[in-house]
Amino acid sequence: MARRLTAVGLEFTESAPLRLIFAHEISAPPDVVYRALAEDVAGWPEWFTAVTDIRPTEDGAGREVRLKGGTRFQETVLAAKAPEVYAYRVDETNAPGVRALLEEWRLTPAGTGTRVQWTFAAAGNTLFRFALRVGRPGLGRAFRDAVTALDQRLASATT
């Protein structure tokens, strides 16, 4: 890993200089979605195509993540409250310009399914913030594609 980031807490989802929030409804119930996010960590590459490899560390208290393009993260899980919230902070990365990064997945019932909300809270240099703002539509599309693929994966597992 190239750099250690600033350690932030869950409040960073409200105070981060840059917050990108995306939401999408899927048919799987919250408890099933939560298990896929928090308990089947190794399964993420099967539905989130940007993730090439992920594994839990520290008995599930952390995660090691590799993305397409070579970006790597060492993360600490900050919240794992079934079936409502799963959040993690990036502690180390090789990504340039980022100073702090936290991702939060909030799950709320939506009929018989789930409203999945992903908050990407970040701090970084000017170029990093600009790149995220410009890249917002792509991140939103990646999120929607990922949770749609997750929903399809969960549906096929129950049939």
N, C-alpha and C. Protein backbone atom coordinates (compact mmCIF):
# COMPACT_ATOMS: atom_id res chain seq x y z
N MET A 1 0.84 -1.18 0.00
CA MET A 1 0.00 0.00 0.00
C MET A 1 0.89 1.24 0.00
N ALA A 2 0.41 2.24 -0.66
CA ALA A 2 1.21 3.45 -0.79
C ALA A 2 1.06 4.40 0.39
N ARG A 3 -0.17 4.60 0.88
CA ARG A 3 -0.38 5.64 1.88
C ARG A 3 -1.43 5.27 2.90
N ARG A 4 -1.21 5.78 4.09
CA ARG A 4 -2.20 5.64 5.17
C ARG A 4 -3.11 6.87 5.12
N LEU A 5 -4.43 6.65 5.22
CA LEU A 5 -5.40 7.73 5.17
C LEU A 5 -5.79 8.17 6.58
N THR A 6 -6.46 9.31 6.66
CA THR A 6 -6.97 9.81 7.92
C THR A 6 -8.06 8.87 8.42
N ALA A 7 -7.97 8.49 9.69
CA ALA A 7 -9.00 7.64 10.29
C ALA A 7 -10.22 8.49 10.59
N VAL A 8 -11.35 8.12 10.01
CA VAL A 8 -12.61 8.84 10.22
C VAL A 8 -13.63 7.87 10.80
N GLY A 9 -14.66 8.43 11.45
CA GLY A 9 -15.74 7.62 12.01
C GLY A 9 -16.99 7.74 11.17
N LEU A 10 -18.05 7.09 11.61
CA LEU A 10 -19.30 7.07 10.86
C LEU A 10 -19.87 8.46 10.60
N GLU A 11 -19.57 9.42 11.48
CA GLU A 11 -20.06 10.78 11.29
C GLU A 11 -19.53 11.41 10.00
N PHE A 12 -18.48 10.84 9.44
CA PHE A 12 -17.90 11.36 8.21
C PHE A 12 -18.90 11.31 7.05
N THR A 13 -19.89 10.42 7.13
CA THR A 13 -20.91 10.36 6.07
C THR A 13 -21.71 11.66 6.01
N GLU A 14 -21.72 12.42 7.11
CA GLU A 14 -22.43 13.69 7.15
C GLU A 14 -21.51 14.89 6.97
N SER A 15 -20.23 14.75 7.34
CA SER A 15 -19.33 15.90 7.36
C SER A 15 -18.27 15.91 6.26
N ALA A 16 -18.20 14.87 5.45
CA ALA A 16 -17.16 14.79 4.42
C ALA A 16 -17.27 15.95 3.43
N PRO A 17 -16.14 16.46 2.97
CA PRO A 17 -16.17 17.53 1.97
C PRO A 17 -16.86 17.10 0.67
N LEU A 18 -16.80 15.82 0.37
CA LEU A 18 -17.46 15.30 -0.83
C LEU A 18 -18.26 14.08 -0.45
N ARG A 19 -19.57 14.14 -0.72
CA ARG A 19 -20.45 13.01 -0.43
C ARG A 19 -21.23 12.69 -1.68
N LEU A 20 -21.13 11.46 -2.13
CA LEU A 20 -21.92 10.99 -3.26
C LEU A 20 -22.88 9.95 -2.71
N ILE A 21 -24.18 10.15 -2.95
CA ILE A 21 -25.19 9.25 -2.41
C ILE A 21 -26.03 8.71 -3.56
N PHE A 22 -26.12 7.39 -3.61
CA PHE A 22 -26.88 6.71 -4.66
C PHE A 22 -27.86 5.75 -4.00
N ALA A 23 -29.03 5.58 -4.59
CA ALA A 23 -30.01 4.65 -4.04
C ALA A 23 -30.70 3.91 -5.18
N HIS A 24 -31.09 2.67 -4.89
CA HIS A 24 -31.77 1.84 -5.87
C HIS A 24 -32.58 0.79 -5.12
N GLU A 25 -33.79 0.51 -5.61
CA GLU A 25 -34.62 -0.52 -4.98
C GLU A 25 -34.45 -1.84 -5.70
N ILE A 26 -34.36 -2.91 -4.90
CA ILE A 26 -34.24 -4.25 -5.45
C ILE A 26 -35.27 -5.15 -4.77
N SER A 27 -35.48 -6.34 -5.32
CA SER A 27 -36.54 -7.21 -4.82
C SER A 27 -36.15 -8.06 -3.62
N ALA A 28 -34.87 -8.28 -3.40
CA ALA A 28 -34.44 -9.11 -2.26
C ALA A 28 -34.72 -8.38 -0.95
N PRO A 29 -35.09 -9.11 0.10
CA PRO A 29 -35.36 -8.49 1.40
C PRO A 29 -34.07 -8.02 2.08
N PRO A 30 -34.17 -7.05 3.00
CA PRO A 30 -32.97 -6.48 3.63
C PRO A 30 -32.04 -7.49 4.30
N ASP A 31 -32.58 -8.49 4.98
CA ASP A 31 -31.70 -9.44 5.67
C ASP A 31 -30.85 -10.24 4.68
N VAL A 32 -31.40 -10.55 3.53
CA VAL A 32 -30.67 -11.31 2.51
C VAL A 32 -29.60 -10.41 1.87
N VAL A 33 -29.95 -9.16 1.59
CA VAL A 33 -28.99 -8.22 1.03
C VAL A 33 -27.86 -7.98 2.03
N TYR A 34 -28.20 -7.80 3.28
CA TYR A 34 -27.18 -7.58 4.31
C TYR A 34 -26.18 -8.74 4.37
N ARG A 35 -26.68 -9.96 4.35
CA ARG A 35 -25.79 -11.12 4.39
C ARG A 35 -24.82 -11.11 3.21
N ALA A 36 -25.31 -10.73 2.03
CA ALA A 36 -24.44 -10.67 0.84
C ALA A 36 -23.36 -9.60 1.01
N LEU A 37 -23.72 -8.47 1.61
CA LEU A 37 -22.75 -7.39 1.80
C LEU A 37 -21.75 -7.71 2.90
N ALA A 38 -22.22 -8.13 4.04
CA ALA A 38 -21.38 -8.23 5.23
C ALA A 38 -20.82 -9.61 5.52
N GLU A 39 -21.52 -10.65 5.10
CA GLU A 39 -21.10 -11.99 5.45
C GLU A 39 -20.49 -12.76 4.28
N ASP A 40 -20.91 -12.45 3.06
CA ASP A 40 -20.34 -13.10 1.88
C ASP A 40 -19.39 -12.13 1.17
N VAL A 41 -18.44 -11.62 1.92
CA VAL A 41 -17.51 -10.62 1.38
C VAL A 41 -16.79 -11.16 0.15
N ALA A 42 -16.35 -12.41 0.18
CA ALA A 42 -15.62 -12.99 -0.95
C ALA A 42 -16.47 -13.07 -2.22
N GLY A 43 -17.80 -12.97 -2.08
CA GLY A 43 -18.69 -13.05 -3.24
C GLY A 43 -18.86 -11.73 -3.99
N TRP A 44 -18.34 -10.62 -3.47
CA TRP A 44 -18.52 -9.32 -4.11
C TRP A 44 -18.11 -9.30 -5.58
N PRO A 45 -16.98 -9.89 -5.99
CA PRO A 45 -16.60 -9.81 -7.42
C PRO A 45 -17.63 -10.44 -8.36
N GLU A 46 -18.50 -11.30 -7.83
CA GLU A 46 -19.51 -11.94 -8.67
C GLU A 46 -20.64 -10.98 -9.04
N TRP A 47 -20.80 -9.89 -8.31
CA TRP A 47 -21.87 -8.95 -8.61
C TRP A 47 -21.40 -7.51 -8.75
N PHE A 48 -20.27 -7.16 -8.19
CA PHE A 48 -19.74 -5.80 -8.32
C PHE A 48 -18.51 -5.87 -9.22
N THR A 49 -18.71 -5.61 -10.50
CA THR A 49 -17.66 -5.88 -11.49
C THR A 49 -16.40 -5.05 -11.32
N ALA A 50 -16.46 -3.92 -10.62
CA ALA A 50 -15.25 -3.13 -10.37
C ALA A 50 -14.32 -3.84 -9.39
N VAL A 51 -14.86 -4.75 -8.58
CA VAL A 51 -14.08 -5.47 -7.58
C VAL A 51 -13.52 -6.74 -8.21
N THR A 52 -12.19 -6.87 -8.20
CA THR A 52 -11.58 -8.08 -8.77
C THR A 52 -11.24 -9.11 -7.70
N ASP A 53 -10.99 -8.64 -6.48
CA ASP A 53 -10.67 -9.55 -5.39
C ASP A 53 -10.98 -8.85 -4.07
N ILE A 54 -11.54 -9.60 -3.15
CA ILE A 54 -11.84 -9.05 -1.83
C ILE A 54 -11.81 -10.19 -0.83
N ARG A 55 -11.24 -9.90 0.32
CA ARG A 55 -11.23 -10.93 1.35
C ARG A 55 -11.32 -10.28 2.72
N PRO A 56 -12.03 -10.93 3.62
CA PRO A 56 -12.10 -10.40 4.97
C PRO A 56 -10.74 -10.58 5.67
N THR A 57 -10.42 -9.66 6.56
CA THR A 57 -9.22 -9.75 7.38
C THR A 57 -9.63 -9.54 8.84
N GLU A 58 -8.72 -9.85 9.74
CA GLU A 58 -8.95 -9.63 11.17
C GLU A 58 -10.29 -10.20 11.64
N ASP A 59 -10.56 -11.45 11.26
CA ASP A 59 -11.80 -12.13 11.64
C ASP A 59 -13.05 -11.34 11.26
N GLY A 60 -13.02 -10.68 10.10
CA GLY A 60 -14.17 -9.94 9.61
C GLY A 60 -14.19 -8.48 10.01
N ALA A 61 -13.26 -8.03 10.83
CA ALA A 61 -13.22 -6.63 11.25
C ALA A 61 -12.58 -5.73 10.19
N GLY A 62 -11.97 -6.35 9.19
CA GLY A 62 -11.34 -5.59 8.11
C GLY A 62 -11.56 -6.28 6.78
N ARG A 63 -11.11 -5.61 5.73
CA ARG A 63 -11.23 -6.15 4.37
C ARG A 63 -10.02 -5.71 3.57
N GLU A 64 -9.60 -6.57 2.67
CA GLU A 64 -8.56 -6.23 1.69
C GLU A 64 -9.23 -6.30 0.32
N VAL A 65 -9.16 -5.20 -0.44
CA VAL A 65 -9.92 -5.07 -1.68
C VAL A 65 -8.98 -4.69 -2.82
N ARG A 66 -9.22 -5.30 -3.98
CA ARG A 66 -8.54 -4.92 -5.22
C ARG A 66 -9.60 -4.60 -6.26
N LEU A 67 -9.39 -3.49 -6.96
CA LEU A 67 -10.32 -3.06 -8.00
C LEU A 67 -9.68 -3.19 -9.37
N LYS A 68 -10.51 -3.19 -10.40
CA LYS A 68 -9.99 -3.14 -11.76
C LYS A 68 -9.11 -1.90 -11.88
N GLY A 69 -8.04 -2.00 -12.63
CA GLY A 69 -7.13 -0.87 -12.77
C GLY A 69 -6.02 -0.87 -11.74
N GLY A 70 -6.09 -1.77 -10.75
CA GLY A 70 -4.99 -1.91 -9.80
C GLY A 70 -5.13 -1.18 -8.49
N THR A 71 -6.22 -0.46 -8.27
CA THR A 71 -6.40 0.22 -6.99
C THR A 71 -6.59 -0.83 -5.89
N ARG A 72 -5.94 -0.58 -4.76
CA ARG A 72 -6.02 -1.50 -3.61
C ARG A 72 -6.42 -0.71 -2.37
N PHE A 73 -7.17 -1.38 -1.49
CA PHE A 73 -7.60 -0.79 -0.22
C PHE A 73 -7.40 -1.77 0.92
N GLN A 74 -7.00 -1.25 2.06
CA GLN A 74 -7.08 -1.96 3.34
C GLN A 74 -8.16 -1.21 4.11
N GLU A 75 -9.17 -1.93 4.57
CA GLU A 75 -10.32 -1.27 5.18
C GLU A 75 -10.59 -1.80 6.59
N THR A 76 -11.27 -0.97 7.37
CA THR A 76 -11.77 -1.36 8.68
C THR A 76 -13.29 -1.25 8.65
N VAL A 77 -13.97 -2.32 9.06
CA VAL A 77 -15.43 -2.30 9.14
C VAL A 77 -15.81 -1.48 10.38
N LEU A 78 -16.60 -0.43 10.17
CA LEU A 78 -17.02 0.45 11.26
C LEU A 78 -18.41 0.14 11.78
N ALA A 79 -19.27 -0.41 10.92
CA ALA A 79 -20.63 -0.74 11.32
C ALA A 79 -21.08 -1.99 10.59
N ALA A 80 -21.60 -2.92 11.35
CA ALA A 80 -22.16 -4.14 10.79
C ALA A 80 -23.40 -4.46 11.61
N LYS A 81 -24.44 -3.69 11.36
CA LYS A 81 -25.69 -3.82 12.12
C LYS A 81 -26.76 -4.41 11.21
N ALA A 82 -26.95 -5.71 11.34
CA ALA A 82 -27.93 -6.41 10.50
C ALA A 82 -29.34 -6.01 10.88
N PRO A 83 -30.23 -5.88 9.94
CA PRO A 83 -30.04 -5.83 8.48
C PRO A 83 -30.04 -4.40 7.95
N GLU A 84 -29.52 -3.45 8.73
CA GLU A 84 -29.71 -2.05 8.38
C GLU A 84 -28.50 -1.35 7.77
N VAL A 85 -27.31 -1.59 8.29
CA VAL A 85 -26.17 -0.80 7.83
C VAL A 85 -24.88 -1.62 7.84
N TYR A 86 -24.08 -1.38 6.82
CA TYR A 86 -22.75 -1.96 6.71
C TYR A 86 -21.85 -0.84 6.20
N ALA A 87 -20.82 -0.50 6.98
CA ALA A 87 -19.95 0.62 6.62
C ALA A 87 -18.50 0.27 6.90
N TYR A 88 -17.62 0.82 6.08
CA TYR A 88 -16.19 0.58 6.25
C TYR A 88 -15.41 1.83 5.83
N ARG A 89 -14.25 1.96 6.48
CA ARG A 89 -13.35 3.08 6.22
C ARG A 89 -12.10 2.53 5.52
N VAL A 90 -11.59 3.27 4.56
CA VAL A 90 -10.33 2.91 3.93
C VAL A 90 -9.20 3.44 4.81
N ASP A 91 -8.30 2.55 5.22
CA ASP A 91 -7.17 2.93 6.05
C ASP A 91 -5.90 3.14 5.23
N GLU A 92 -5.72 2.32 4.19
CA GLU A 92 -4.55 2.42 3.33
C GLU A 92 -4.97 2.20 1.89
N THR A 93 -4.32 2.92 0.97
CA THR A 93 -4.61 2.76 -0.44
C THR A 93 -3.42 3.19 -1.28
N ASN A 94 -3.43 2.75 -2.51
CA ASN A 94 -2.45 3.22 -3.49
C ASN A 94 -3.07 4.27 -4.42
N ALA A 95 -4.33 4.64 -4.20
CA ALA A 95 -5.02 5.63 -5.03
C ALA A 95 -4.47 7.03 -4.71
N PRO A 96 -4.16 7.80 -5.73
CA PRO A 96 -3.59 9.14 -5.49
C PRO A 96 -4.64 10.16 -5.07
N GLY A 97 -4.23 11.13 -4.26
CA GLY A 97 -5.05 12.29 -3.96
C GLY A 97 -6.07 12.14 -2.85
N VAL A 98 -6.40 10.93 -2.46
CA VAL A 98 -7.42 10.73 -1.43
C VAL A 98 -6.78 10.88 -0.05
N ARG A 99 -7.52 11.53 0.86
CA ARG A 99 -7.04 11.71 2.24
C ARG A 99 -7.88 10.91 3.23
N ALA A 100 -9.16 10.75 2.94
CA ALA A 100 -10.07 9.98 3.80
C ALA A 100 -11.19 9.44 2.93
N LEU A 101 -11.66 8.23 3.26
CA LEU A 101 -12.72 7.61 2.47
C LEU A 101 -13.51 6.65 3.35
N LEU A 102 -14.82 6.79 3.30
CA LEU A 102 -15.71 5.91 4.03
C LEU A 102 -16.89 5.58 3.12
N GLU A 103 -17.30 4.33 3.12
CA GLU A 103 -18.47 3.91 2.36
C GLU A 103 -19.49 3.31 3.32
N GLU A 104 -20.73 3.70 3.13
CA GLU A 104 -21.81 3.19 3.98
C GLU A 104 -22.93 2.65 3.09
N TRP A 105 -23.40 1.46 3.40
CA TRP A 105 -24.53 0.83 2.73
C TRP A 105 -25.68 0.80 3.73
N ARG A 106 -26.77 1.51 3.45
CA ARG A 106 -27.96 1.52 4.29
C ARG A 106 -29.06 0.74 3.59
N LEU A 107 -29.70 -0.13 4.32
CA LEU A 107 -30.76 -0.98 3.77
C LEU A 107 -32.05 -0.69 4.51
N THR A 108 -33.10 -0.35 3.76
CA THR A 108 -34.40 -0.11 4.36
C THR A 108 -35.45 -0.90 3.58
N PRO A 109 -36.45 -1.42 4.29
CA PRO A 109 -37.50 -2.16 3.61
C PRO A 109 -38.21 -1.28 2.59
N ALA A 110 -38.52 -1.87 1.45
CA ALA A 110 -39.28 -1.21 0.38
C ALA A 110 -40.27 -2.24 -0.14
N GLY A 111 -41.46 -2.25 0.42
CA GLY A 111 -42.42 -3.31 0.09
C GLY A 111 -41.85 -4.63 0.56
N THR A 112 -41.75 -5.60 -0.36
CA THR A 112 -41.14 -6.89 -0.01
C THR A 112 -39.66 -6.90 -0.32
N GLY A 113 -39.13 -5.81 -0.86
CA GLY A 113 -37.73 -5.72 -1.23
C GLY A 113 -36.95 -4.77 -0.33
N THR A 114 -35.92 -4.17 -0.92
CA THR A 114 -34.99 -3.32 -0.17
C THR A 114 -34.63 -2.08 -0.96
N ARG A 115 -34.58 -0.96 -0.27
CA ARG A 115 -33.99 0.25 -0.82
C ARG A 115 -32.54 0.25 -0.35
N VAL A 116 -31.62 0.14 -1.30
CA VAL A 116 -30.19 0.13 -1.00
C VAL A 116 -29.65 1.53 -1.25
N GLN A 117 -29.06 2.13 -0.21
CA GLN A 117 -28.44 3.45 -0.37
C GLN A 117 -26.96 3.33 -0.07
N TRP A 118 -26.15 3.81 -0.99
CA TRP A 118 -24.69 3.76 -0.87
C TRP A 118 -24.18 5.19 -0.76
N THR A 119 -23.52 5.49 0.35
CA THR A 119 -22.90 6.79 0.54
C THR A 119 -21.39 6.63 0.41
N PHE A 120 -20.82 7.42 -0.47
CA PHE A 120 -19.38 7.45 -0.71
C PHE A 120 -18.91 8.79 -0.18
N ALA A 121 -18.29 8.79 1.00
CA ALA A 121 -17.85 10.02 1.66
C ALA A 121 -16.33 10.11 1.55
N ALA A 122 -15.84 11.25 1.06
CA ALA A 122 -14.41 11.35 0.78
C ALA A 122 -13.85 12.73 1.06
N ALA A 123 -12.55 12.75 1.29
CA ALA A 123 -11.78 13.99 1.36
C ALA A 123 -10.51 13.74 0.56
N GLY A 124 -10.07 14.77 -0.15
CA GLY A 124 -8.86 14.61 -0.93
C GLY A 124 -8.44 15.94 -1.53
N ASN A 125 -7.39 15.87 -2.32
CA ASN A 125 -6.91 17.10 -2.94
C ASN A 125 -7.87 17.57 -4.03
N THR A 126 -7.61 18.73 -4.58
CA THR A 126 -8.50 19.34 -5.57
C THR A 126 -8.72 18.43 -6.78
N LEU A 127 -7.66 17.84 -7.28
CA LEU A 127 -7.79 16.96 -8.46
C LEU A 127 -8.64 15.73 -8.14
N PHE A 128 -8.46 15.16 -6.97
CA PHE A 128 -9.26 14.00 -6.55
C PHE A 128 -10.74 14.37 -6.48
N ARG A 129 -11.06 15.50 -5.82
CA ARG A 129 -12.46 15.93 -5.70
C ARG A 129 -13.07 16.22 -7.07
N PHE A 130 -12.30 16.85 -7.94
CA PHE A 130 -12.77 17.14 -9.29
C PHE A 130 -13.06 15.84 -10.04
N ALA A 131 -12.14 14.89 -9.95
CA ALA A 131 -12.32 13.60 -10.65
C ALA A 131 -13.56 12.88 -10.16
N LEU A 132 -13.83 12.92 -8.86
CA LEU A 132 -15.03 12.26 -8.34
C LEU A 132 -16.29 12.96 -8.80
N ARG A 133 -16.27 14.29 -8.83
CA ARG A 133 -17.46 15.00 -9.31
C ARG A 133 -17.73 14.69 -10.77
N VAL A 134 -16.69 14.69 -11.57
CA VAL A 134 -16.83 14.37 -12.99
C VAL A 134 -17.24 12.90 -13.16
N GLY A 135 -16.70 12.05 -12.32
CA GLY A 135 -16.98 10.62 -12.41
C GLY A 135 -18.27 10.18 -11.74
N ARG A 136 -19.00 11.12 -11.13
CA ARG A 136 -20.23 10.77 -10.41
C ARG A 136 -21.21 9.94 -11.25
N PRO A 137 -21.51 10.33 -12.50
CA PRO A 137 -22.45 9.50 -13.28
C PRO A 137 -21.95 8.06 -13.46
N GLY A 138 -20.66 7.89 -13.66
CA GLY A 138 -20.11 6.55 -13.81
C GLY A 138 -20.19 5.75 -12.52
N LEU A 139 -19.93 6.39 -11.40
CA LEU A 139 -20.07 5.71 -10.11
C LEU A 139 -21.53 5.31 -9.86
N GLY A 140 -22.45 6.22 -10.21
CA GLY A 140 -23.87 5.90 -10.05
C GLY A 140 -24.28 4.72 -10.90
N ARG A 141 -23.81 4.69 -12.14
CA ARG A 141 -24.11 3.57 -13.03
C ARG A 141 -23.50 2.27 -12.50
N ALA A 142 -22.27 2.34 -12.01
CA ALA A 142 -21.61 1.15 -11.45
C ALA A 142 -22.39 0.63 -10.24
N PHE A 143 -22.86 1.55 -9.40
CA PHE A 143 -23.66 1.16 -8.24
C PHE A 143 -24.96 0.47 -8.68
N ARG A 144 -25.70 1.11 -9.58
CA ARG A 144 -26.98 0.53 -10.04
C ARG A 144 -26.75 -0.84 -10.68
N ASP A 145 -25.73 -0.94 -11.53
CA ASP A 145 -25.44 -2.22 -12.17
C ASP A 145 -25.08 -3.28 -11.13
N ALA A 146 -24.31 -2.87 -10.12
CA ALA A 146 -23.89 -3.82 -9.09
C ALA A 146 -25.07 -4.33 -8.27
N VAL A 147 -25.93 -3.41 -7.78
CA VAL A 147 -27.04 -3.90 -6.95
C VAL A 147 -28.07 -4.65 -7.78
N THR A 148 -28.20 -4.32 -9.06
CA THR A 148 -29.07 -5.09 -9.94
C THR A 148 -28.52 -6.51 -10.11
N ALA A 149 -27.21 -6.61 -10.33
CA ALA A 149 -26.58 -7.93 -10.46
C ALA A 149 -26.67 -8.71 -9.14
N LEU A 150 -26.52 -8.00 -8.02
CA LEU A 150 -26.67 -8.65 -6.72
C LEU A 150 -28.08 -9.19 -6.57
N ASP A 151 -29.06 -8.41 -6.93
CA ASP A 151 -30.46 -8.84 -6.83
C ASP A 151 -30.69 -10.09 -7.67
N GLN A 152 -30.17 -10.10 -8.88
CA GLN A 152 -30.33 -11.27 -9.75
C GLN A 152 -29.62 -12.49 -9.16
N ARG A 153 -28.45 -12.27 -8.59
CA ARG A 153 -27.70 -13.36 -7.97
C ARG A 153 -28.48 -13.93 -6.77
N LEU A 154 -29.03 -13.05 -5.96
CA LEU A 154 -29.80 -13.50 -4.80
C LEU A 154 -31.07 -14.22 -5.21
N ALA A 155 -31.73 -13.74 -6.26
CA ALA A 155 -32.95 -14.39 -6.74
C ALA A 155 -32.65 -15.78 -7.27
N SER A 156 -31.54 -15.94 -7.98
CA SER A 156 -31.21 -17.26 -8.53
C SER A 156 -30.78 -18.23 -7.42
N ALA A 157 -30.26 -17.70 -6.32
CA ALA A 157 -29.86 -18.56 -5.20
C ALA A 157 -31.05 -19.12 -4.45
N THR A 158 -32.20 -18.44 -4.54
CA THR A 158 -33.39 -18.90 -3.81
C THR A 158 -34.32 -19.73 -4.67
N THR A 159 -34.02 -19.84 -5.98
CA THR A 159 -34.92 -20.63 -6.84
C THR A 159 -34.38 -22.02 -7.06
